[in-house]
Amino acid sequence: MVSESGHYALFSGGHDSLVSTHKSMLAGYTDTVLHIDTGIGIPETREYVERVCDEKGWPLEVVSSDFDYEDIVREYRFPGPGVHIIMYSKLKERALRKVAGWHDDKPHFWTGVRKYESVRRFRNLTEREEEREQWVWHAPILLHTQEEVDDWIDSAGLPRSPVKQTFHHSGECLCGAFGNRTEELVLLEAHYPKTADRIKELEEGVRELHGDEDPRSYWAHGGMSGTDLRALLADHDDAQMMLCASCEAGVSTDGGFPLGDEL
């Protein structure tokens, strides 16, 4: 549903965006909830967003980019931290541009971003409202602490996301640019095996195209230590798997694995 006012509450499926959405809808700042389908999210996250909006009677619009994540990684391999901005632009910003095209004036997006989420955000975020070329950002919970977010959820009786509670992230985007494969893939296998299988199948296709020896042939490689990454590569290299313990012990463990050029 296209917003009549042009003001959208961005609901990713995480708890911060849950609170900002509830606040902005309750106050009448927004009249429509917007969820971005990145094409590489946990399906249960979207189901949670749809369920909450249905329970609250909030009009929901789901929008996606014209870019396909699977096509991107088959051509360029999996992204690392250095190209996160590219994945954000292709999977999320392009979707927001679609929404901007629906309106004669700039749309307003109300987001759950908080200064206290990270040191970088604490330093960089200073305003609750910021106008950009194509839209206007609003950050209604910019100065909220985690305790304040939790208190609002409890006092308002809002349902918590099962994905957030088990995977520790909203789960709407698993591009892997900032992911840690050794930790997150285990959680996906335990709680969302279909999503884990999809990622592993995609990895197989990327390795067939670009080779087993390239770190970028593996999802969420950027968050791994050099030691773990070398072990992963060895698992797919018959020659390395035959190394004796003394040879493996001689490999440097300083974490300085050459990742090469990014996407």
C-alpha atoms as a PDB file:
ATOM      1  CA  MET A   1       0.000   0.000   0.000  1.00  0.00           C
ATOM      2  CA  VAL A   2       1.422   3.371  -1.026  1.00  0.00           C
ATOM      3  CA  SER A   3       1.459   5.891   1.818  1.00  0.00           C
ATOM      4  CA  GLU A   4      -0.920   8.816   1.303  1.00  0.00           C
ATOM      5  CA  SER A   5       1.267  11.085   3.411  1.00  0.00           C
ATOM      6  CA  GLY A   6       4.556   9.798   2.009  1.00  0.00           C
ATOM      7  CA  HIS A   7       5.744   8.897   5.528  1.00  0.00           C
ATOM      8  CA  TYR A   8       6.844   5.282   6.000  1.00  0.00           C
ATOM      9  CA  ALA A   9       7.941   3.419   9.114  1.00  0.00           C
ATOM     10  CA  LEU A  10      10.828   1.169   8.098  1.00  0.00           C
ATOM     11  CA  PHE A  11      10.365  -2.191   9.841  1.00  0.00           C
ATOM     12  CA  SER A  12      13.247  -4.580   9.178  1.00  0.00           C
ATOM     13  CA  GLY A  13      12.068  -7.142  11.706  1.00  0.00           C
ATOM     14  CA  GLY A  14      14.523  -6.241  14.459  1.00  0.00           C
ATOM     15  CA  HIS A  15      13.603  -4.872  17.859  1.00  0.00           C
ATOM     16  CA  ASP A  16      14.909  -1.349  17.261  1.00  0.00           C
ATOM     17  CA  SER A  17      12.794  -0.968  14.150  1.00  0.00           C
ATOM     18  CA  LEU A  18       9.866  -2.556  16.010  1.00  0.00           C
ATOM     19  CA  VAL A  19      10.005   0.228  18.596  1.00  0.00           C
ATOM     20  CA  SER A  20      10.529   3.040  16.081  1.00  0.00           C
ATOM     21  CA  THR A  21       7.667   1.697  13.971  1.00  0.00           C
ATOM     22  CA  HIS A  22       5.354   1.443  16.969  1.00  0.00           C
ATOM     23  CA  LYS A  23       6.257   4.955  18.123  1.00  0.00           C
ATOM     24  CA  SER A  24       5.844   6.585  14.728  1.00  0.00           C
ATOM     25  CA  MET A  25       2.594   4.771  13.909  1.00  0.00           C
ATOM     26  CA  LEU A  26       1.178   5.441  17.377  1.00  0.00           C
ATOM     27  CA  ALA A  27       1.980   9.158  17.137  1.00  0.00           C
ATOM     28  CA  GLY A  28       0.592   9.434  13.610  1.00  0.00           C
ATOM     29  CA  TYR A  29       3.930  10.459  12.113  1.00  0.00           C
ATOM     30  CA  THR A  30       3.627   7.598   9.622  1.00  0.00           C
ATOM     31  CA  ASP A  31       0.646   5.864   8.050  1.00  0.00           C
ATOM     32  CA  THR A  32       2.313   2.910   6.338  1.00  0.00           C
ATOM     33  CA  VAL A  33       4.918   0.323   7.334  1.00  0.00           C
ATOM     34  CA  LEU A  34       7.630  -0.465   4.790  1.00  0.00           C
ATOM     35  CA  HIS A  35       9.621  -3.711   4.766  1.00  0.00           C
ATOM     36  CA  ILE A  36      12.485  -4.269   2.323  1.00  0.00           C
ATOM     37  CA  ASP A  37      12.754  -7.790   0.952  1.00  0.00           C
ATOM     38  CA  THR A  38      16.466  -8.114   0.155  1.00  0.00           C
ATOM     39  CA  GLY A  39      16.059 -11.515  -1.480  1.00  0.00           C
ATOM     40  CA  ILE A  40      18.549 -13.062   0.935  1.00  0.00           C
ATOM     41  CA  GLY A  41      16.770 -12.902   4.257  1.00  0.00           C
ATOM     42  CA  ILE A  42      15.361 -15.451   6.661  1.00  0.00           C
ATOM     43  CA  PRO A  43      11.730 -16.027   5.538  1.00  0.00           C
ATOM     44  CA  GLU A  44      10.581 -16.135   9.152  1.00  0.00           C
ATOM     45  CA  THR A  45      11.640 -12.484   9.513  1.00  0.00           C
ATOM     46  CA  ARG A  46       9.190 -11.328   6.880  1.00  0.00           C
ATOM     47  CA  GLU A  47       6.528 -13.584   8.392  1.00  0.00           C
ATOM     48  CA  TYR A  48       7.095 -11.888  11.750  1.00  0.00           C
ATOM     49  CA  VAL A  49       6.780  -8.418  10.201  1.00  0.00           C
ATOM     50  CA  GLU A  50       3.563  -9.425   8.458  1.00  0.00           C
ATOM     51  CA  ARG A  51       2.155 -10.932  11.648  1.00  0.00           C
ATOM     52  CA  VAL A  52       2.895  -7.849  13.758  1.00  0.00           C
ATOM     53  CA  CYS A  53       1.404  -5.505  11.160  1.00  0.00           C
ATOM     54  CA  ASP A  54      -1.690  -7.682  10.888  1.00  0.00           C
ATOM     55  CA  GLU A  55      -2.141  -7.751  14.674  1.00  0.00           C
ATOM     56  CA  LYS A  56      -1.708  -3.976  14.957  1.00  0.00           C
ATOM     57  CA  GLY A  57      -3.752  -3.126  11.880  1.00  0.00           C
ATOM     58  CA  TRP A  58      -0.811  -1.358  10.245  1.00  0.00           C
ATOM     59  CA  PRO A  59      -0.879  -1.084   6.437  1.00  0.00           C
ATOM     60  CA  LEU A  60       2.211  -2.879   5.108  1.00  0.00           C
ATOM     61  CA  GLU A  61       4.108  -2.403   1.873  1.00  0.00           C
ATOM     62  CA  VAL A  62       6.865  -4.894   0.974  1.00  0.00           C
ATOM     63  CA  VAL A  63       9.324  -3.643  -1.626  1.00  0.00           C
ATOM     64  CA  SER A  64      12.380  -5.252  -3.211  1.00  0.00           C
ATOM     65  CA  SER A  65      15.261  -4.221  -5.430  1.00  0.00           C
ATOM     66  CA  ASP A  66      15.579  -4.996  -9.130  1.00  0.00           C
ATOM     67  CA  PHE A  67      18.921  -6.631  -8.337  1.00  0.00           C
ATOM     68  CA  ASP A  68      19.033 -10.323  -7.443  1.00  0.00           C
ATOM     69  CA  TYR A  69      21.494 -11.358  -4.723  1.00  0.00           C
ATOM     70  CA  GLU A  70      22.143 -14.752  -6.252  1.00  0.00           C
ATOM     71  CA  ASP A  71      22.983 -13.211  -9.618  1.00  0.00           C
ATOM     72  CA  ILE A  72      25.369 -10.757  -7.926  1.00  0.00           C
ATOM     73  CA  VAL A  73      27.385 -13.390  -6.065  1.00  0.00           C
ATOM     74  CA  ARG A  74      27.523 -15.764  -9.007  1.00  0.00           C
ATOM     75  CA  GLU A  75      29.187 -13.013 -11.022  1.00  0.00           C
ATOM     76  CA  TYR A  76      31.292 -11.290  -8.373  1.00  0.00           C
ATOM     77  CA  ARG A  77      31.483 -13.862  -5.522  1.00  0.00           C
ATOM     78  CA  PHE A  78      30.453 -13.212  -1.924  1.00  0.00           C
ATOM     79  CA  PRO A  79      31.088  -9.727  -0.501  1.00  0.00           C
ATOM     80  CA  GLY A  80      33.388  -8.811   2.355  1.00  0.00           C
ATOM     81  CA  PRO A  81      33.265  -5.728   4.598  1.00  0.00           C
ATOM     82  CA  GLY A  82      34.963  -3.542   1.993  1.00  0.00           C
ATOM     83  CA  VAL A  83      32.026  -3.782  -0.405  1.00  0.00           C
ATOM     84  CA  HIS A  84      29.144  -3.675   2.044  1.00  0.00           C
ATOM     85  CA  ILE A  85      28.162  -0.259   0.704  1.00  0.00           C
ATOM     86  CA  ILE A  86      27.718  -1.803  -2.745  1.00  0.00           C
ATOM     87  CA  MET A  87      25.419  -4.526  -1.404  1.00  0.00           C
ATOM     88  CA  TYR A  88      23.474  -1.937   0.585  1.00  0.00           C
ATOM     89  CA  SER A  89      23.056   0.179  -2.534  1.00  0.00           C
ATOM     90  CA  LYS A  90      21.918  -2.708  -4.715  1.00  0.00           C
ATOM     91  CA  LEU A  91      19.659  -4.534  -2.261  1.00  0.00           C
ATOM     92  CA  LYS A  92      18.229  -1.771  -0.044  1.00  0.00           C
ATOM     93  CA  GLU A  93      18.814   1.693  -1.455  1.00  0.00           C
ATOM     94  CA  ARG A  94      17.549   0.637  -4.879  1.00  0.00           C
ATOM     95  CA  ALA A  95      14.338  -0.551  -3.216  1.00  0.00           C
ATOM     96  CA  LEU A  96      13.926   2.825  -1.494  1.00  0.00           C
ATOM     97  CA  ARG A  97      14.406   4.535  -4.848  1.00  0.00           C
ATOM     98  CA  LYS A  98      11.396   2.585  -6.093  1.00  0.00           C
ATOM     99  CA  VAL A  99       9.330   4.041  -3.277  1.00  0.00           C
ATOM    100  CA  ALA A 100      10.630   7.529  -4.023  1.00  0.00           C
ATOM    101  CA  GLY A 101       9.386   7.077  -7.581  1.00  0.00           C
ATOM    102  CA  TRP A 102       5.840   6.632  -6.295  1.00  0.00           C
ATOM    103  CA  HIS A 103       5.703  10.183  -4.933  1.00  0.00           C
ATOM    104  CA  ASP A 104       5.934  13.658  -6.422  1.00  0.00           C
ATOM    105  CA  ASP A 105       7.599  14.950  -3.258  1.00  0.00           C
ATOM    106  CA  LYS A 106      10.383  13.346  -1.250  1.00  0.00           C
ATOM    107  CA  PRO A 107       9.132  10.444   0.892  1.00  0.00           C
ATOM    108  CA  HIS A 108       9.997  10.373   4.594  1.00  0.00           C
ATOM    109  CA  PHE A 109      11.501   7.213   6.066  1.00  0.00           C
ATOM    110  CA  TRP A 110      11.328   6.652   9.830  1.00  0.00           C
ATOM    111  CA  THR A 111      14.090   4.291  10.899  1.00  0.00           C
ATOM    112  CA  GLY A 112      15.168   2.477  14.070  1.00  0.00           C
ATOM    113  CA  VAL A 113      18.809   3.571  13.904  1.00  0.00           C
ATOM    114  CA  ARG A 114      20.369   4.356  17.320  1.00  0.00           C
ATOM    115  CA  LYS A 115      23.599   6.115  18.294  1.00  0.00           C
ATOM    116  CA  TYR A 116      24.350   3.532  20.974  1.00  0.00           C
ATOM    117  CA  GLU A 117      24.349   0.567  18.579  1.00  0.00           C
ATOM    118  CA  SER A 118      28.037   0.996  17.831  1.00  0.00           C
ATOM    119  CA  VAL A 119      30.979   3.320  18.340  1.00  0.00           C
ATOM    120  CA  ARG A 120      30.882   4.334  14.674  1.00  0.00           C
ATOM    121  CA  ARG A 121      27.216   5.263  14.817  1.00  0.00           C
ATOM    122  CA  PHE A 122      27.698   7.082  18.104  1.00  0.00           C
ATOM    123  CA  ARG A 123      30.301   9.304  16.462  1.00  0.00           C
ATOM    124  CA  ASN A 124      28.532   9.829  13.141  1.00  0.00           C
ATOM    125  CA  LEU A 125      24.874  10.263  14.043  1.00  0.00           C
ATOM    126  CA  THR A 126      23.890  13.648  15.401  1.00  0.00           C
ATOM    127  CA  GLU A 127      20.487  14.541  13.972  1.00  0.00           C
ATOM    128  CA  ARG A 128      17.033  13.021  14.325  1.00  0.00           C
ATOM    129  CA  GLU A 129      16.168  14.258  10.819  1.00  0.00           C
ATOM    130  CA  GLU A 130      18.343  14.395   7.721  1.00  0.00           C
ATOM    131  CA  GLU A 131      17.300  15.407   4.218  1.00  0.00           C
ATOM    132  CA  ARG A 132      18.859  13.594   1.302  1.00  0.00           C
ATOM    133  CA  GLU A 133      18.541  14.089  -2.443  1.00  0.00           C
ATOM    134  CA  GLN A 134      15.670  11.617  -2.866  1.00  0.00           C
ATOM    135  CA  TRP A 135      14.144  11.282   0.622  1.00  0.00           C
ATOM    136  CA  VAL A 136      14.196  12.442   4.239  1.00  0.00           C
ATOM    137  CA  TRP A 137      15.441  10.266   7.119  1.00  0.00           C
ATOM    138  CA  HIS A 138      13.887  10.381  10.592  1.00  0.00           C
ATOM    139  CA  ALA A 139      15.408   8.655  13.625  1.00  0.00           C
ATOM    140  CA  PRO A 140      12.797   8.751  16.420  1.00  0.00           C
ATOM    141  CA  ILE A 141      14.798   6.525  18.787  1.00  0.00           C
ATOM    142  CA  LEU A 142      18.216   7.957  17.949  1.00  0.00           C
ATOM    143  CA  LEU A 143      19.160   8.506  21.608  1.00  0.00           C
ATOM    144  CA  HIS A 144      17.490   5.416  23.052  1.00  0.00           C
ATOM    145  CA  THR A 145      19.599   2.943  24.984  1.00  0.00           C
ATOM    146  CA  GLN A 146      19.107  -0.811  24.711  1.00  0.00           C
ATOM    147  CA  GLU A 147      17.368  -0.744  28.093  1.00  0.00           C
ATOM    148  CA  GLU A 148      14.910   1.869  26.861  1.00  0.00           C
ATOM    149  CA  VAL A 149      14.171  -0.193  23.757  1.00  0.00           C
ATOM    150  CA  ASP A 150      13.522  -3.290  25.879  1.00  0.00           C
ATOM    151  CA  ASP A 151      11.358  -1.340  28.329  1.00  0.00           C
ATOM    152  CA  TRP A 152       9.221   0.029  25.492  1.00  0.00           C
ATOM    153  CA  ILE A 153       8.679  -3.431  24.020  1.00  0.00           C
ATOM    154  CA  ASP A 154       7.651  -4.833  27.408  1.00  0.00           C
ATOM    155  CA  SER A 155       5.446  -1.921  28.464  1.00  0.00           C
ATOM    156  CA  ALA A 156       3.666  -1.833  25.093  1.00  0.00           C
ATOM    157  CA  GLY A 157       3.251  -5.601  25.051  1.00  0.00           C
ATOM    158  CA  LEU A 158       4.887  -5.915  21.646  1.00  0.00           C
ATOM    159  CA  PRO A 159       5.785  -9.404  20.380  1.00  0.00           C
ATOM    160  CA  ARG A 160       9.510 -10.037  20.146  1.00  0.00           C
ATOM    161  CA  SER A 161      11.044 -11.435  16.990  1.00  0.00           C
ATOM    162  CA  PRO A 162      11.874 -15.162  17.227  1.00  0.00           C
ATOM    163  CA  VAL A 163      14.636 -14.608  14.649  1.00  0.00           C
ATOM    164  CA  LYS A 164      16.216 -11.834  16.688  1.00  0.00           C
ATOM    165  CA  GLN A 165      16.090 -14.001  19.799  1.00  0.00           C
ATOM    166  CA  THR A 166      17.737 -17.046  18.177  1.00  0.00           C
ATOM    167  CA  PHE A 167      19.939 -15.531  15.461  1.00  0.00           C
ATOM    168  CA  HIS A 168      20.696 -12.286  17.339  1.00  0.00           C
ATOM    169  CA  HIS A 169      20.034 -10.184  14.208  1.00  0.00           C
ATOM    170  CA  SER A 170      16.860  -9.125  12.446  1.00  0.00           C
ATOM    171  CA  GLY A 171      17.627 -11.587   9.643  1.00  0.00           C
ATOM    172  CA  GLU A 172      16.182  -9.468   6.822  1.00  0.00           C
ATOM    173  CA  CYS A 173      19.561  -9.333   5.042  1.00  0.00           C
ATOM    174  CA  LEU A 174      22.103 -12.147   4.950  1.00  0.00           C
ATOM    175  CA  CYS A 175      24.368 -10.689   2.275  1.00  0.00           C
ATOM    176  CA  GLY A 176      27.294 -11.760   4.488  1.00  0.00           C
ATOM    177  CA  ALA A 177      29.419  -8.643   4.022  1.00  0.00           C
ATOM    178  CA  PHE A 178      29.831  -8.198   7.772  1.00  0.00           C
ATOM    179  CA  GLY A 179      28.876 -11.744   8.733  1.00  0.00           C
ATOM    180  CA  ASN A 180      30.942 -14.323  10.578  1.00  0.00           C
ATOM    181  CA  ARG A 181      30.529 -17.618   8.785  1.00  0.00           C
ATOM    182  CA  THR A 182      31.808 -19.823  11.590  1.00  0.00           C
ATOM    183  CA  GLU A 183      29.253 -18.414  14.032  1.00  0.00           C
ATOM    184  CA  GLU A 184      26.241 -17.456  11.941  1.00  0.00           C
ATOM    185  CA  LEU A 185      26.071 -20.500   9.690  1.00  0.00           C
ATOM    186  CA  VAL A 186      25.954 -22.710  12.791  1.00  0.00           C
ATOM    187  CA  LEU A 187      22.998 -20.718  14.129  1.00  0.00           C
ATOM    188  CA  LEU A 188      21.246 -20.903  10.763  1.00  0.00           C
ATOM    189  CA  GLU A 189      21.788 -24.660  10.579  1.00  0.00           C
ATOM    190  CA  ALA A 190      20.359 -25.060  14.080  1.00  0.00           C
ATOM    191  CA  HIS A 191      17.327 -22.789  13.794  1.00  0.00           C
ATOM    192  CA  TYR A 192      16.721 -22.106  10.079  1.00  0.00           C
ATOM    193  CA  PRO A 193      18.088 -25.123   8.181  1.00  0.00           C
ATOM    194  CA  LYS A 194      16.317 -24.261   4.913  1.00  0.00           C
ATOM    195  CA  THR A 195      18.063 -20.895   4.823  1.00  0.00           C
ATOM    196  CA  ALA A 196      21.395 -22.519   5.694  1.00  0.00           C
ATOM    197  CA  ASP A 197      20.902 -25.064   2.895  1.00  0.00           C
ATOM    198  CA  ARG A 198      20.142 -22.279   0.432  1.00  0.00           C
ATOM    199  CA  ILE A 199      23.390 -20.485   1.322  1.00  0.00           C
ATOM    200  CA  LYS A 200      25.446 -23.691   1.075  1.00  0.00           C
ATOM    201  CA  GLU A 201      23.901 -24.537  -2.296  1.00  0.00           C
ATOM    202  CA  LEU A 202      24.722 -21.034  -3.502  1.00  0.00           C
ATOM    203  CA  GLU A 203      28.285 -21.489  -2.259  1.00  0.00           C
ATOM    204  CA  GLU A 204      28.615 -24.658  -4.308  1.00  0.00           C
ATOM    205  CA  GLY A 205      27.542 -22.780  -7.418  1.00  0.00           C
ATOM    206  CA  VAL A 206      29.981 -19.936  -6.744  1.00  0.00           C
ATOM    207  CA  ARG A 207      32.861 -22.372  -6.151  1.00  0.00           C
ATOM    208  CA  GLU A 208      32.109 -24.119  -9.430  1.00  0.00           C
ATOM    209  CA  LEU A 209      32.387 -20.770 -11.219  1.00  0.00           C
ATOM    210  CA  HIS A 210      35.295 -19.204  -9.328  1.00  0.00           C
ATOM    211  CA  GLY A 211      37.155 -22.038  -7.633  1.00  0.00           C
ATOM    212  CA  ASP A 212      37.455 -23.511  -4.139  1.00  0.00           C
ATOM    213  CA  GLU A 213      40.663 -21.653  -3.320  1.00  0.00           C
ATOM    214  CA  ASP A 214      39.162 -18.140  -3.434  1.00  0.00           C
ATOM    215  CA  PRO A 215      38.005 -16.924   0.010  1.00  0.00           C
ATOM    216  CA  ARG A 216      35.266 -14.962  -1.720  1.00  0.00           C
ATOM    217  CA  SER A 217      33.699 -18.239  -2.836  1.00  0.00           C
ATOM    218  CA  TYR A 218      32.443 -18.625   0.729  1.00  0.00           C
ATOM    219  CA  TRP A 219      29.582 -16.748   2.347  1.00  0.00           C
ATOM    220  CA  ALA A 220      30.474 -14.385   5.218  1.00  0.00           C
ATOM    221  CA  HIS A 221      34.201 -14.960   4.839  1.00  0.00           C
ATOM    222  CA  GLY A 222      35.152 -11.452   5.981  1.00  0.00           C
ATOM    223  CA  GLY A 223      34.356 -12.016   9.641  1.00  0.00           C
ATOM    224  CA  MET A 224      36.508 -15.107   9.976  1.00  0.00           C
ATOM    225  CA  SER A 225      39.997 -15.189  11.450  1.00  0.00           C
ATOM    226  CA  GLY A 226      42.852 -16.054   9.136  1.00  0.00           C
ATOM    227  CA  THR A 227      43.213 -19.409  10.862  1.00  0.00           C
ATOM    228  CA  ASP A 228      39.543 -20.342  10.450  1.00  0.00           C
ATOM    229  CA  LEU A 229      39.528 -19.174   6.841  1.00  0.00           C
ATOM    230  CA  ARG A 230      42.585 -21.242   5.974  1.00  0.00           C
ATOM    231  CA  ALA A 231      40.948 -24.255   7.598  1.00  0.00           C
ATOM    232  CA  LEU A 232      37.810 -23.703   5.506  1.00  0.00           C
ATOM    233  CA  LEU A 233      39.839 -23.509   2.300  1.00  0.00           C
ATOM    234  CA  ALA A 234      41.760 -26.643   3.292  1.00  0.00           C
ATOM    235  CA  ASP A 235      38.492 -28.517   3.746  1.00  0.00           C
ATOM    236  CA  HIS A 236      37.870 -28.052   0.014  1.00  0.00           C
ATOM    237  CA  ASP A 237      41.436 -28.765  -1.113  1.00  0.00           C
ATOM    238  CA  ASP A 238      42.352 -32.450  -1.331  1.00  0.00           C
ATOM    239  CA  ALA A 239      46.063 -31.642  -1.332  1.00  0.00           C
ATOM    240  CA  GLN A 240      45.887 -29.542   1.832  1.00  0.00           C
ATOM    241  CA  MET A 241      43.708 -32.108   3.571  1.00  0.00           C
ATOM    242  CA  MET A 242      46.626 -34.542   3.307  1.00  0.00           C
ATOM    243  CA  LEU A 243      49.025 -32.270   5.234  1.00  0.00           C
ATOM    244  CA  CYS A 244      50.432 -33.745   8.397  1.00  0.00           C
ATOM    245  CA  ALA A 245      50.011 -31.998  11.732  1.00  0.00           C
ATOM    246  CA  SER A 246      53.565 -30.675  11.735  1.00  0.00           C
ATOM    247  CA  CYS A 247      53.089 -28.993   8.352  1.00  0.00           C
ATOM    248  CA  GLU A 248      49.812 -27.384   9.430  1.00  0.00           C
ATOM    249  CA  ALA A 249      51.448 -26.189  12.636  1.00  0.00           C
ATOM    250  CA  GLY A 250      53.960 -24.272  10.560  1.00  0.00           C
ATOM    251  CA  VAL A 251      51.267 -22.117   8.926  1.00  0.00           C
ATOM    252  CA  SER A 252      51.178 -18.555  10.236  1.00  0.00           C
ATOM    253  CA  THR A 253      48.309 -17.860  12.628  1.00  0.00           C
ATOM    254  CA  ASP A 254      48.550 -14.081  12.657  1.00  0.00           C
ATOM    255  CA  GLY A 255      45.219 -13.775  10.825  1.00  0.00           C
ATOM    256  CA  GLY A 256      46.808 -12.034   7.866  1.00  0.00           C
ATOM    257  CA  PHE A 257      45.203 -14.037   5.077  1.00  0.00           C
ATOM    258  CA  PRO A 258      45.445 -12.256   1.710  1.00  0.00           C
ATOM    259  CA  LEU A 259      41.844 -11.711   0.651  1.00  0.00           C
ATOM    260  CA  GLY A 260      42.838  -9.986  -2.579  1.00  0.00           C
ATOM    261  CA  ASP A 261      40.636  -7.512  -4.400  1.00  0.00           C
ATOM    262  CA  GLU A 262      37.062  -7.270  -3.244  1.00  0.00           C
ATOM    263  CA  LEU A 263      33.908  -7.349  -5.325  1.00  0.00           C
END
